[in-house]
Amino acid sequence: MTLTYRNFVAFAATFVLVAAAPLLLWRLSNVVILGFGALLMSALMTLVAEPFQRWTPLPRWLSLAFAGLIIFAFVFAAA
């Protein structure tokens, strides 16, 4: 394979992106942790809201609101 200008630019861009990815993750570690926490919180709220949806005729948003209030109450009580 001959190294054309287009191939060289593609290889150089790939190298820069691969080299910059760990630096970006390190600099944006707070954002990564916040995103992971948001995913865990959404999974917990969905887990708590599911029985409300199954046993009552409440809409999903109201079930999630009650789940959030219940989780907040448990955290507040534990503090």
PDB file of N, CA and C in Angstrom:
ATOM      1  N   MET A   1       0.840  -1.164   0.000  1.00  0.00           N
ATOM      2  CA  MET A   1       0.000   0.000   0.000  1.00  0.00           C
ATOM      3  C   MET A   1       0.895   1.240   0.000  1.00  0.00           C
ATOM      4  N   THR A   2       0.616   2.116  -0.890  1.00  0.00           N
ATOM      5  CA  THR A   2       1.400   3.349  -0.952  1.00  0.00           C
ATOM      6  C   THR A   2       0.789   4.374  -0.008  1.00  0.00           C
ATOM      7  N   LEU A   3       1.654   5.171   0.563  1.00  0.00           N
ATOM      8  CA  LEU A   3       1.210   6.172   1.525  1.00  0.00           C
ATOM      9  C   LEU A   3       0.923   7.478   0.788  1.00  0.00           C
ATOM     10  N   THR A   4      -0.334   7.686   0.528  1.00  0.00           N
ATOM     11  CA  THR A   4      -0.738   8.926  -0.127  1.00  0.00           C
ATOM     12  C   THR A   4      -0.985   9.989   0.940  1.00  0.00           C
ATOM     13  N   TYR A   5      -1.165  11.199   0.486  1.00  0.00           N
ATOM     14  CA  TYR A   5      -1.429  12.302   1.408  1.00  0.00           C
ATOM     15  C   TYR A   5      -2.719  12.048   2.194  1.00  0.00           C
ATOM     16  N   ARG A   6      -3.715  11.516   1.526  1.00  0.00           N
ATOM     17  CA  ARG A   6      -4.998  11.239   2.174  1.00  0.00           C
ATOM     18  C   ARG A   6      -4.841  10.166   3.255  1.00  0.00           C
ATOM     19  N   ASN A   7      -4.094   9.102   2.969  1.00  0.00           N
ATOM     20  CA  ASN A   7      -3.853   8.048   3.960  1.00  0.00           C
ATOM     21  C   ASN A   7      -3.056   8.583   5.147  1.00  0.00           C
ATOM     22  N   PHE A   8      -2.062   9.422   4.860  1.00  0.00           N
ATOM     23  CA  PHE A   8      -1.255   9.989   5.935  1.00  0.00           C
ATOM     24  C   PHE A   8      -2.108  10.839   6.872  1.00  0.00           C
ATOM     25  N   VAL A   9      -2.972  11.660   6.323  1.00  0.00           N
ATOM     26  CA  VAL A   9      -3.842  12.508   7.151  1.00  0.00           C
ATOM     27  C   VAL A   9      -4.791  11.640   7.977  1.00  0.00           C
ATOM     28  N   ALA A  10      -5.307  10.584   7.388  1.00  0.00           N
ATOM     29  CA  ALA A  10      -6.206   9.682   8.117  1.00  0.00           C
ATOM     30  C   ALA A  10      -5.467   8.996   9.260  1.00  0.00           C
ATOM     31  N   PHE A  11      -4.250   8.506   9.004  1.00  0.00           N
ATOM     32  CA  PHE A  11      -3.463   7.858  10.056  1.00  0.00           C
ATOM     33  C   PHE A  11      -3.089   8.852  11.152  1.00  0.00           C
ATOM     34  N   ALA A  12      -2.701  10.062  10.772  1.00  0.00           N
ATOM     35  CA  ALA A  12      -2.317  11.076  11.754  1.00  0.00           C
ATOM     36  C   ALA A  12      -3.515  11.479  12.611  1.00  0.00           C
ATOM     37  N   ALA A  13      -4.676  11.656  12.005  1.00  0.00           N
ATOM     38  CA  ALA A  13      -5.873  12.020  12.766  1.00  0.00           C
ATOM     39  C   ALA A  13      -6.265  10.902  13.724  1.00  0.00           C
ATOM     40  N   THR A  14      -6.167   9.656  13.270  1.00  0.00           N
ATOM     41  CA  THR A  14      -6.477   8.517  14.136  1.00  0.00           C
ATOM     42  C   THR A  14      -5.516   8.468  15.311  1.00  0.00           C
ATOM     43  N   PHE A  15      -4.226   8.687  15.059  1.00  0.00           N
ATOM     44  CA  PHE A  15      -3.233   8.672  16.127  1.00  0.00           C
ATOM     45  C   PHE A  15      -3.503   9.776  17.143  1.00  0.00           C
ATOM     46  N   VAL A  16      -3.805  10.957  16.672  1.00  0.00           N
ATOM     47  CA  VAL A  16      -4.075  12.077  17.580  1.00  0.00           C
ATOM     48  C   VAL A  16      -5.314  11.799  18.420  1.00  0.00           C
ATOM     49  N   LEU A  17      -6.364  11.259  17.815  1.00  0.00           N
ATOM     50  CA  LEU A  17      -7.581  10.957  18.565  1.00  0.00           C
ATOM     51  C   LEU A  17      -7.349   9.864  19.603  1.00  0.00           C
ATOM     52  N   VAL A  18      -6.606   8.828  19.235  1.00  0.00           N
ATOM     53  CA  VAL A  18      -6.323   7.747  20.184  1.00  0.00           C
ATOM     54  C   VAL A  18      -5.435   8.254  21.312  1.00  0.00           C
ATOM     55  N   ALA A  19      -4.482   9.113  21.001  1.00  0.00           N
ATOM     56  CA  ALA A  19      -3.604   9.656  22.030  1.00  0.00           C
ATOM     57  C   ALA A  19      -4.335  10.654  22.926  1.00  0.00           C
ATOM     58  N   ALA A  20      -5.304  11.369  22.394  1.00  0.00           N
ATOM     59  CA  ALA A  20      -6.012  12.382  23.167  1.00  0.00           C
ATOM     60  C   ALA A  20      -7.151  11.800  24.006  1.00  0.00           C
ATOM     61  N   ALA A  21      -7.613  10.610  23.697  1.00  0.00           N
ATOM     62  CA  ALA A  21      -8.753  10.037  24.418  1.00  0.00           C
ATOM     63  C   ALA A  21      -8.480   9.868  25.916  1.00  0.00           C
ATOM     64  N   PRO A  22      -7.345   9.287  26.333  1.00  0.00           N
ATOM     65  CA  PRO A  22      -7.106   9.190  27.785  1.00  0.00           C
ATOM     66  C   PRO A  22      -6.982  10.562  28.459  1.00  0.00           C
ATOM     67  N   LEU A  23      -6.371  11.517  27.782  1.00  0.00           N
ATOM     68  CA  LEU A  23      -6.259  12.856  28.340  1.00  0.00           C
ATOM     69  C   LEU A  23      -7.643  13.487  28.510  1.00  0.00           C
ATOM     70  N   LEU A  24      -8.503  13.319  27.526  1.00  0.00           N
ATOM     71  CA  LEU A  24      -9.859  13.851  27.631  1.00  0.00           C
ATOM     72  C   LEU A  24     -10.638  13.190  28.764  1.00  0.00           C
ATOM     73  N   LEU A  25     -10.512  11.861  28.895  1.00  0.00           N
ATOM     74  CA  LEU A  25     -11.203  11.167  29.977  1.00  0.00           C
ATOM     75  C   LEU A  25     -10.700  11.627  31.335  1.00  0.00           C
ATOM     76  N   TRP A  26      -9.395  11.877  31.441  1.00  0.00           N
ATOM     77  CA  TRP A  26      -8.839  12.338  32.702  1.00  0.00           C
ATOM     78  C   TRP A  26      -9.321  13.746  33.032  1.00  0.00           C
ATOM     79  N   ARG A  27      -9.307  14.631  32.048  1.00  0.00           N
ATOM     80  CA  ARG A  27      -9.726  16.012  32.276  1.00  0.00           C
ATOM     81  C   ARG A  27     -11.232  16.120  32.505  1.00  0.00           C
ATOM     82  N   LEU A  28     -11.998  15.232  31.903  1.00  0.00           N
ATOM     83  CA  LEU A  28     -13.453  15.254  32.039  1.00  0.00           C
ATOM     84  C   LEU A  28     -13.961  14.161  32.983  1.00  0.00           C
ATOM     85  N   SER A  29     -13.124  13.744  33.926  1.00  0.00           N
ATOM     86  CA  SER A  29     -13.499  12.646  34.813  1.00  0.00           C
ATOM     87  C   SER A  29     -14.733  12.994  35.640  1.00  0.00           C
ATOM     88  N   ASN A  30     -14.877  14.250  36.028  1.00  0.00           N
ATOM     89  CA  ASN A  30     -16.075  14.637  36.785  1.00  0.00           C
ATOM     90  C   ASN A  30     -17.341  14.452  35.962  1.00  0.00           C
ATOM     91  N   VAL A  31     -17.265  14.747  34.686  1.00  0.00           N
ATOM     92  CA  VAL A  31     -18.426  14.576  33.810  1.00  0.00           C
ATOM     93  C   VAL A  31     -18.750  13.093  33.648  1.00  0.00           C
ATOM     94  N   VAL A  32     -17.720  12.268  33.524  1.00  0.00           N
ATOM     95  CA  VAL A  32     -17.924  10.820  33.386  1.00  0.00           C
ATOM     96  C   VAL A  32     -18.557  10.261  34.657  1.00  0.00           C
ATOM     97  N   ILE A  33     -18.068  10.681  35.817  1.00  0.00           N
ATOM     98  CA  ILE A  33     -18.628  10.206  37.089  1.00  0.00           C
ATOM     99  C   ILE A  33     -20.069  10.690  37.253  1.00  0.00           C
ATOM    100  N   LEU A  34     -20.335  11.937  36.884  1.00  0.00           N
ATOM    101  CA  LEU A  34     -21.695  12.468  36.972  1.00  0.00           C
ATOM    102  C   LEU A  34     -22.648  11.700  36.057  1.00  0.00           C
ATOM    103  N   GLY A  35     -22.206  11.379  34.848  1.00  0.00           N
ATOM    104  CA  GLY A  35     -23.028  10.598  33.929  1.00  0.00           C
ATOM    105  C   GLY A  35     -23.308   9.204  34.454  1.00  0.00           C
ATOM    106  N   PHE A  36     -22.282   8.569  35.039  1.00  0.00           N
ATOM    107  CA  PHE A  36     -22.477   7.238  35.603  1.00  0.00           C
ATOM    108  C   PHE A  36     -23.452   7.287  36.776  1.00  0.00           C
ATOM    109  N   GLY A  37     -23.337   8.309  37.613  1.00  0.00           N
ATOM    110  CA  GLY A  37     -24.271   8.464  38.723  1.00  0.00           C
ATOM    111  C   GLY A  37     -25.692   8.695  38.242  1.00  0.00           C
ATOM    112  N   ALA A  38     -25.838   9.455  37.163  1.00  0.00           N
ATOM    113  CA  ALA A  38     -27.174   9.687  36.604  1.00  0.00           C
ATOM    114  C   ALA A  38     -27.787   8.393  36.081  1.00  0.00           C
ATOM    115  N   LEU A  39     -26.960   7.557  35.450  1.00  0.00           N
ATOM    116  CA  LEU A  39     -27.464   6.258  34.987  1.00  0.00           C
ATOM    117  C   LEU A  39     -27.897   5.377  36.153  1.00  0.00           C
ATOM    118  N   LEU A  40     -27.104   5.357  37.218  1.00  0.00           N
ATOM    119  CA  LEU A  40     -27.479   4.561  38.386  1.00  0.00           C
ATOM    120  C   LEU A  40     -28.753   5.088  39.034  1.00  0.00           C
ATOM    121  N   MET A  41     -28.874   6.411  39.121  1.00  0.00           N
ATOM    122  CA  MET A  41     -30.072   7.003  39.729  1.00  0.00           C
ATOM    123  C   MET A  41     -31.312   6.721  38.893  1.00  0.00           C
ATOM    124  N   SER A  42     -31.185   6.775  37.574  1.00  0.00           N
ATOM    125  CA  SER A  42     -32.349   6.482  36.729  1.00  0.00           C
ATOM    126  C   SER A  42     -32.759   5.019  36.846  1.00  0.00           C
ATOM    127  N   ALA A  43     -31.778   4.137  36.959  1.00  0.00           N
ATOM    128  CA  ALA A  43     -32.112   2.716  37.139  1.00  0.00           C
ATOM    129  C   ALA A  43     -32.806   2.495  38.477  1.00  0.00           C
ATOM    130  N   LEU A  44     -32.328   3.163  39.530  1.00  0.00           N
ATOM    131  CA  LEU A  44     -32.959   3.029  40.845  1.00  0.00           C
ATOM    132  C   LEU A  44     -34.373   3.592  40.843  1.00  0.00           C
ATOM    133  N   MET A  45     -34.563   4.748  40.222  1.00  0.00           N
ATOM    134  CA  MET A  45     -35.901   5.337  40.184  1.00  0.00           C
ATOM    135  C   MET A  45     -36.870   4.480  39.374  1.00  0.00           C
ATOM    136  N   THR A  46     -36.393   3.900  38.282  1.00  0.00           N
ATOM    137  CA  THR A  46     -37.249   3.013  37.495  1.00  0.00           C
ATOM    138  C   THR A  46     -37.620   1.773  38.295  1.00  0.00           C
ATOM    139  N   LEU A  47     -36.667   1.249  39.061  1.00  0.00           N
ATOM    140  CA  LEU A  47     -36.922   0.070  39.891  1.00  0.00           C
ATOM    141  C   LEU A  47     -37.964   0.367  40.961  1.00  0.00           C
ATOM    142  N   VAL A  48     -37.891   1.542  41.568  1.00  0.00           N
ATOM    143  CA  VAL A  48     -38.856   1.907  42.605  1.00  0.00           C
ATOM    144  C   VAL A  48     -40.209   2.266  41.994  1.00  0.00           C
ATOM    145  N   ALA A  49     -40.223   2.863  40.802  1.00  0.00           N
ATOM    146  CA  ALA A  49     -41.481   3.308  40.192  1.00  0.00           C
ATOM    147  C   ALA A  49     -42.266   2.168  39.554  1.00  0.00           C
ATOM    148  N   GLU A  50     -41.618   1.061  39.253  1.00  0.00           N
ATOM    149  CA  GLU A  50     -42.314  -0.036  38.569  1.00  0.00           C
ATOM    150  C   GLU A  50     -43.514  -0.577  39.350  1.00  0.00           C
ATOM    151  N   PRO A  51     -43.402  -0.808  40.658  1.00  0.00           N
ATOM    152  CA  PRO A  51     -44.606  -1.279  41.378  1.00  0.00           C
ATOM    153  C   PRO A  51     -45.761  -0.286  41.354  1.00  0.00           C
ATOM    154  N   PHE A  52     -45.457   1.026  41.393  1.00  0.00           N
ATOM    155  CA  PHE A  52     -46.529   2.021  41.294  1.00  0.00           C
ATOM    156  C   PHE A  52     -47.273   1.886  39.973  1.00  0.00           C
ATOM    157  N   GLN A  53     -46.533   1.691  38.906  1.00  0.00           N
ATOM    158  CA  GLN A  53     -47.174   1.558  37.593  1.00  0.00           C
ATOM    159  C   GLN A  53     -47.976   0.272  37.496  1.00  0.00           C
ATOM    160  N   ARG A  54     -47.471  -0.786  38.102  1.00  0.00           N
ATOM    161  CA  ARG A  54     -48.136  -2.079  37.984  1.00  0.00           C
ATOM    162  C   ARG A  54     -49.407  -2.133  38.826  1.00  0.00           C
ATOM    163  N   TRP A  55     -49.383  -1.559  40.009  1.00  0.00           N
ATOM    164  CA  TRP A  55     -50.492  -1.714  40.949  1.00  0.00           C
ATOM    165  C   TRP A  55     -51.479  -0.559  40.941  1.00  0.00           C
ATOM    166  N   THR A  56     -51.126   0.558  40.330  1.00  0.00           N
ATOM    167  CA  THR A  56     -52.027   1.714  40.302  1.00  0.00           C
ATOM    168  C   THR A  56     -52.165   2.200  38.859  1.00  0.00           C
ATOM    169  N   PRO A  57     -53.192   2.954  38.567  1.00  0.00           N
ATOM    170  CA  PRO A  57     -53.340   3.489  37.201  1.00  0.00           C
ATOM    171  C   PRO A  57     -52.595   4.814  36.984  1.00  0.00           C
ATOM    172  N   LEU A  58     -51.503   5.031  37.717  1.00  0.00           N
ATOM    173  CA  LEU A  58     -50.755   6.277  37.598  1.00  0.00           C
ATOM    174  C   LEU A  58     -49.954   6.299  36.293  1.00  0.00           C
ATOM    175  N   PRO A  59     -49.798   7.480  35.697  1.00  0.00           N
ATOM    176  CA  PRO A  59     -48.918   7.580  34.533  1.00  0.00           C
ATOM    177  C   PRO A  59     -47.452   7.433  34.948  1.00  0.00           C
ATOM    178  N   ARG A  60     -46.606   7.188  33.970  1.00  0.00           N
ATOM    179  CA  ARG A  60     -45.184   6.928  34.249  1.00  0.00           C
ATOM    180  C   ARG A  60     -44.511   8.108  34.948  1.00  0.00           C
ATOM    181  N   TRP A  61     -44.802   9.320  34.501  1.00  0.00           N
ATOM    182  CA  TRP A  61     -44.131  10.476  35.095  1.00  0.00           C
ATOM    183  C   TRP A  61     -44.495  10.653  36.560  1.00  0.00           C
ATOM    184  N   LEU A  62     -45.723  10.346  36.921  1.00  0.00           N
ATOM    185  CA  LEU A  62     -46.136  10.478  38.308  1.00  0.00           C
ATOM    186  C   LEU A  62     -45.529   9.369  39.162  1.00  0.00           C
ATOM    187  N   SER A  63     -45.437   8.181  38.607  1.00  0.00           N
ATOM    188  CA  SER A  63     -44.775   7.086  39.318  1.00  0.00           C
ATOM    189  C   SER A  63     -43.311   7.419  39.578  1.00  0.00           C
ATOM    190  N   LEU A  64     -42.648   8.000  38.582  1.00  0.00           N
ATOM    191  CA  LEU A  64     -41.250   8.386  38.765  1.00  0.00           C
ATOM    192  C   LEU A  64     -41.114   9.521  39.780  1.00  0.00           C
ATOM    193  N   ALA A  65     -42.087  10.434  39.808  1.00  0.00           N
ATOM    194  CA  ALA A  65     -42.053  11.517  40.791  1.00  0.00           C
ATOM    195  C   ALA A  65     -42.192  10.965  42.209  1.00  0.00           C
ATOM    196  N   PHE A  66     -43.117  10.024  42.397  1.00  0.00           N
ATOM    197  CA  PHE A  66     -43.262   9.397  43.711  1.00  0.00           C
ATOM    198  C   PHE A  66     -42.010   8.610  44.089  1.00  0.00           C
ATOM    199  N   ALA A  67     -41.430   7.938  43.123  1.00  0.00           N
ATOM    200  CA  ALA A  67     -40.195   7.193  43.390  1.00  0.00           C
ATOM    201  C   ALA A  67     -39.083   8.143  43.825  1.00  0.00           C
ATOM    202  N   GLY A  68     -38.978   9.288  43.172  1.00  0.00           N
ATOM    203  CA  GLY A  68     -37.974  10.272  43.565  1.00  0.00           C
ATOM    204  C   GLY A  68     -38.204  10.792  44.965  1.00  0.00           C
ATOM    205  N   LEU A  69     -39.461  11.032  45.301  1.00  0.00           N
ATOM    206  CA  LEU A  69     -39.777  11.493  46.655  1.00  0.00           C
ATOM    207  C   LEU A  69     -39.453  10.432  47.703  1.00  0.00           C
ATOM    208  N   ILE A  70     -39.728   9.188  47.394  1.00  0.00           N
ATOM    209  CA  ILE A  70     -39.434   8.095  48.327  1.00  0.00           C
ATOM    210  C   ILE A  70     -37.927   7.952  48.524  1.00  0.00           C
ATOM    211  N   ILE A  71     -37.186   8.013  47.436  1.00  0.00           N
ATOM    212  CA  ILE A  71     -35.718   7.893  47.535  1.00  0.00           C
ATOM    213  C   ILE A  71     -35.167   9.083  48.322  1.00  0.00           C
ATOM    214  N   PHE A  72     -35.674  10.295  48.033  1.00  0.00           N
ATOM    215  CA  PHE A  72     -35.238  11.475  48.784  1.00  0.00           C
ATOM    216  C   PHE A  72     -35.553  11.329  50.270  1.00  0.00           C
ATOM    217  N   ALA A  73     -36.723  10.800  50.595  1.00  0.00           N
ATOM    218  CA  ALA A  73     -37.098  10.624  51.994  1.00  0.00           C
ATOM    219  C   ALA A  73     -36.173   9.635  52.691  1.00  0.00           C
ATOM    220  N   PHE A  74     -35.812   8.537  52.016  1.00  0.00           N
ATOM    221  CA  PHE A  74     -34.884   7.573  52.609  1.00  0.00           C
ATOM    222  C   PHE A  74     -33.508   8.184  52.820  1.00  0.00           C
ATOM    223  N   VAL A  75     -33.028   8.933  51.870  1.00  0.00           N
ATOM    224  CA  VAL A  75     -31.717   9.579  52.016  1.00  0.00           C
ATOM    225  C   VAL A  75     -31.764  10.612  53.131  1.00  0.00           C
ATOM    226  N   PHE A  76     -32.829  11.389  53.187  1.00  0.00           N
ATOM    227  CA  PHE A  76     -32.976  12.393  54.238  1.00  0.00           C
ATOM    228  C   PHE A  76     -33.063  11.733  55.611  1.00  0.00           C
ATOM    229  N   ALA A  77     -33.801  10.623  55.708  1.00  0.00           N
ATOM    230  CA  ALA A  77     -33.927   9.922  56.980  1.00  0.00           C
ATOM    231  C   ALA A  77     -32.597   9.309  57.414  1.00  0.00           C
ATOM    232  N   ALA A  78     -31.823   8.834  56.447  1.00  0.00           N
ATOM    233  CA  ALA A  78     -30.531   8.240  56.781  1.00  0.00           C
ATOM    234  C   ALA A  78     -29.526   9.303  57.238  1.00  0.00           C
ATOM    235  N   ALA A  79     -29.685  10.510  56.717  1.00  0.00           N
ATOM    236  CA  ALA A  79     -28.756  11.588  57.105  1.00  0.00           C
ATOM    237  C   ALA A  79     -29.135  12.087  58.484  1.00  0.00           C
TER     238      ALA A  79
END
